[in-house]
Amino acid sequence: MNTPSNGTAFISCSLNPKDEPFVSMIERIVIAHNLKPFGTVGKYSAAPVNTALLMRQNIPLADILVVVASPRYFQKNLQTGKIYKGISEMLHVEAGMAYAYGKPIVAFVQEGTNLGNFLPNITQYIVLNGFQKDLDKNWPLINNLFTNAIQMANKAKQIKSLKGFRNILVGGLAFIGGATIIDSFSDE
């Protein structure tokens, strides 16, 4: 028996083959929560347009954004001299777009990766090391995070649907009112 889908999840991730094991693990978590991976430019979506334009088209269509943060660059704090493994700037861009569109954001961080300043300020995140034991330990928190993100997405869909219904109702009443006024002129 098929269970109904909980929606779509835009997967914001690295396409580097070295990151594939971690990305695949997160995709399996997404699928286990009955969400369909969607929209990743170069992975789930391709078009002969600028990649930023395709991201801007796909993110509003997704129900939630899932950030898969794996290390891309070495970054150095010029004040302290400390060196970090930072994420790709494209993950920051996609998260910023999702935030601007009001999408719930779920983030998974590969152990040893610095997430930066923006994401920790807009969502809670889970650090994973890629091993099953660590995943099992974090599974209750992962479930809770997805449950809340799906509820937020469903609430946003309901509000959008109600606004659409309200607009149709107001338009219909305006039409009826206008027709009534025109009809009253014709009686006179």
Protein backbone atom coordinates (compact mmCIF):
# COMPACT_ATOMS: atom_id res chain seq x y z
CA MET A 1 0.00 0.00 0.00
CA ASN A 2 1.33 3.43 -0.95
CA THR A 3 1.27 6.10 1.71
CA PRO A 4 0.42 9.61 0.58
CA SER A 5 3.37 11.86 -0.12
CA ASN A 6 4.38 14.53 2.37
CA GLY A 7 5.43 16.73 -0.54
CA THR A 8 8.67 17.68 -2.23
CA ALA A 9 12.06 18.60 -0.85
CA PHE A 10 14.50 20.73 -2.83
CA ILE A 11 17.86 19.14 -2.05
CA SER A 12 20.60 21.75 -1.77
CA CYS A 13 23.83 19.78 -2.01
CA SER A 14 27.23 19.31 -3.56
CA LEU A 15 27.43 17.43 -6.85
CA ASN A 16 31.07 16.49 -6.22
CA PRO A 17 31.48 12.69 -6.44
CA LYS A 18 33.47 12.73 -3.17
CA ASP A 19 30.37 14.03 -1.37
CA GLU A 20 27.99 11.47 -2.92
CA PRO A 21 27.95 9.01 0.05
CA PHE A 22 26.86 11.75 2.49
CA VAL A 23 24.39 13.26 0.00
CA SER A 24 22.89 9.80 -0.71
CA MET A 25 22.46 9.14 3.01
CA ILE A 26 20.52 12.40 3.41
CA GLU A 27 18.43 11.64 0.32
CA ARG A 28 17.47 8.28 1.88
CA ILE A 29 16.43 10.13 5.05
CA VAL A 30 14.30 12.50 2.96
CA ILE A 31 12.65 9.58 1.14
CA ALA A 32 12.10 7.74 4.46
CA HIS A 33 10.03 10.76 5.53
CA ASN A 34 7.90 10.31 2.42
CA LEU A 35 9.22 13.41 0.70
CA LYS A 36 10.20 13.40 -2.95
CA PRO A 37 13.68 14.82 -3.67
CA PHE A 38 13.24 17.61 -6.17
CA GLY A 39 14.80 20.56 -7.91
CA THR A 40 18.53 20.14 -7.37
CA VAL A 41 20.13 21.84 -10.35
CA GLY A 42 22.32 19.32 -12.15
CA LYS A 43 20.86 16.36 -10.25
CA TYR A 44 17.05 16.47 -10.39
CA SER A 45 16.64 19.39 -12.76
CA ALA A 46 18.39 20.62 -15.88
CA ALA A 47 17.58 23.30 -18.43
CA PRO A 48 19.53 25.40 -20.90
CA VAL A 49 19.35 28.47 -18.64
CA ASN A 50 21.49 30.07 -15.97
CA THR A 51 21.65 27.82 -12.89
CA ALA A 52 20.62 30.66 -10.56
CA LEU A 53 17.49 31.19 -12.67
CA LEU A 54 16.65 27.47 -12.45
CA MET A 55 17.13 27.58 -8.66
CA ARG A 56 14.82 30.60 -8.49
CA GLN A 57 12.20 28.67 -10.49
CA ASN A 58 12.45 25.38 -8.56
CA ILE A 59 12.70 26.51 -4.94
CA PRO A 60 9.22 28.13 -4.83
CA LEU A 61 7.76 24.88 -6.22
CA ALA A 62 9.23 22.77 -3.40
CA ASP A 63 7.55 22.29 -0.05
CA ILE A 64 10.77 22.38 1.99
CA LEU A 65 14.49 22.87 1.41
CA VAL A 66 16.97 20.31 2.68
CA VAL A 67 20.55 21.55 2.94
CA VAL A 68 23.22 18.86 2.77
CA ALA A 69 26.29 20.69 4.04
CA SER A 70 29.57 19.04 3.17
CA PRO A 71 32.96 20.79 3.13
CA ARG A 72 33.93 22.63 -0.04
CA TYR A 73 36.47 25.31 0.88
CA PHE A 74 39.05 26.09 3.50
CA GLN A 75 38.19 29.39 5.15
CA LYS A 76 40.41 31.39 7.45
CA ASN A 77 39.29 33.80 10.15
CA LEU A 78 41.61 36.75 9.65
CA GLN A 79 41.26 37.87 13.27
CA THR A 80 42.01 34.55 14.98
CA GLY A 81 43.87 32.71 12.22
CA LYS A 82 41.61 29.67 12.72
CA ILE A 83 40.98 27.63 9.56
CA TYR A 84 37.56 26.07 8.87
CA LYS A 85 36.09 23.75 6.26
CA GLY A 86 33.26 25.81 4.79
CA ILE A 87 30.34 25.00 2.52
CA SER A 88 29.77 26.04 -1.08
CA GLU A 89 28.41 29.53 -1.64
CA MET A 90 25.60 28.00 -3.72
CA LEU A 91 24.21 26.31 -0.60
CA HIS A 92 24.05 29.73 1.06
CA VAL A 93 22.29 31.16 -2.02
CA GLU A 94 19.70 28.36 -2.15
CA ALA A 95 19.06 28.63 1.59
CA GLY A 96 18.64 32.40 1.24
CA MET A 97 16.15 31.95 -1.59
CA ALA A 98 14.16 29.37 0.39
CA TYR A 99 14.15 31.66 3.42
CA ALA A 100 12.91 34.57 1.29
CA TYR A 101 10.09 32.37 -0.05
CA GLY A 102 9.15 31.33 3.50
CA LYS A 103 10.06 27.66 2.98
CA PRO A 104 10.93 25.50 5.98
CA ILE A 105 14.64 24.62 5.91
CA VAL A 106 16.12 21.40 7.28
CA ALA A 107 19.92 21.21 7.40
CA PHE A 108 22.29 18.27 7.79
CA VAL A 109 25.95 19.03 8.35
CA GLN A 110 28.74 16.58 7.71
CA GLU A 111 30.87 16.41 10.84
CA GLY A 112 33.81 18.83 10.65
CA THR A 113 32.01 21.28 8.35
CA ASN A 114 31.46 24.90 9.35
CA LEU A 115 27.92 25.90 8.39
CA GLY A 116 28.62 29.63 8.47
CA ASN A 117 26.49 32.26 10.20
CA PHE A 118 23.25 32.42 8.20
CA LEU A 119 21.86 28.89 8.46
CA PRO A 120 22.30 28.46 12.23
CA ASN A 121 20.30 31.67 12.68
CA ILE A 122 17.30 30.51 10.62
CA THR A 123 17.01 26.78 11.40
CA GLN A 124 18.17 24.04 13.67
CA TYR A 125 20.54 21.58 12.08
CA ILE A 126 21.84 18.09 12.70
CA VAL A 127 25.50 17.11 12.49
CA LEU A 128 26.13 13.60 11.21
CA ASN A 129 29.35 11.67 10.71
CA GLY A 130 28.01 9.28 8.07
CA PHE A 131 27.92 6.16 10.23
CA GLN A 132 24.77 4.17 10.99
CA LYS A 133 25.28 4.31 14.76
CA ASP A 134 25.33 8.11 14.66
CA LEU A 135 22.27 8.16 12.41
CA ASP A 136 20.39 5.83 14.79
CA LYS A 137 21.29 8.04 17.76
CA ASN A 138 19.99 11.15 15.96
CA TRP A 139 16.92 9.50 14.37
CA PRO A 140 14.35 10.75 16.94
CA LEU A 141 15.56 14.33 16.49
CA ILE A 142 15.58 13.92 12.69
CA ASN A 143 12.00 12.65 12.79
CA ASN A 144 10.96 15.59 14.93
CA LEU A 145 12.66 18.07 12.64
CA PHE A 146 10.97 16.64 9.53
CA THR A 147 7.58 16.37 11.25
CA ASN A 148 7.72 20.07 12.14
CA ALA A 149 8.98 21.11 8.69
CA ILE A 150 6.21 19.13 6.96
CA GLN A 151 3.59 20.65 9.28
CA MET A 152 4.93 24.15 8.50
CA ALA A 153 4.80 23.43 4.75
CA ASN A 154 1.26 22.06 4.99
CA LYS A 155 0.13 25.11 6.96
CA ALA A 156 1.64 27.40 4.31
CA LYS A 157 -0.21 25.46 1.58
CA GLN A 158 -3.49 25.76 3.50
CA ILE A 159 -3.05 29.51 3.93
CA LYS A 160 -2.25 29.90 0.22
CA SER A 161 -5.30 27.82 -0.68
CA LEU A 162 -7.56 29.86 1.60
CA LYS A 163 -6.23 33.10 0.10
CA GLY A 164 -6.98 31.76 -3.38
CA PHE A 165 -10.49 30.74 -2.33
CA ARG A 166 -11.04 34.13 -0.70
CA ASN A 167 -9.93 35.91 -3.89
CA ILE A 168 -12.34 33.82 -5.97
CA LEU A 169 -15.15 34.50 -3.50
CA VAL A 170 -14.48 38.24 -3.43
CA GLY A 171 -14.25 38.32 -7.22
CA GLY A 172 -17.52 36.41 -7.53
CA LEU A 173 -19.29 38.70 -5.09
CA ALA A 174 -17.92 41.75 -6.91
CA PHE A 175 -19.22 40.37 -10.20
CA ILE A 176 -22.66 39.66 -8.70
CA GLY A 177 -22.72 43.13 -7.11
CA GLY A 178 -21.72 44.76 -10.38
CA ALA A 179 -24.33 42.79 -12.30
CA THR A 180 -26.97 43.77 -9.73
CA ILE A 181 -26.07 47.45 -10.09
CA ILE A 182 -26.19 47.25 -13.87
CA ASP A 183 -29.48 45.40 -13.68
CA SER A 184 -30.93 48.10 -11.40
CA PHE A 185 -30.04 50.76 -14.00
CA SER A 186 -31.82 48.83 -16.70
CA ASP A 187 -35.01 48.67 -14.59
CA GLU A 188 -35.08 52.43 -14.33
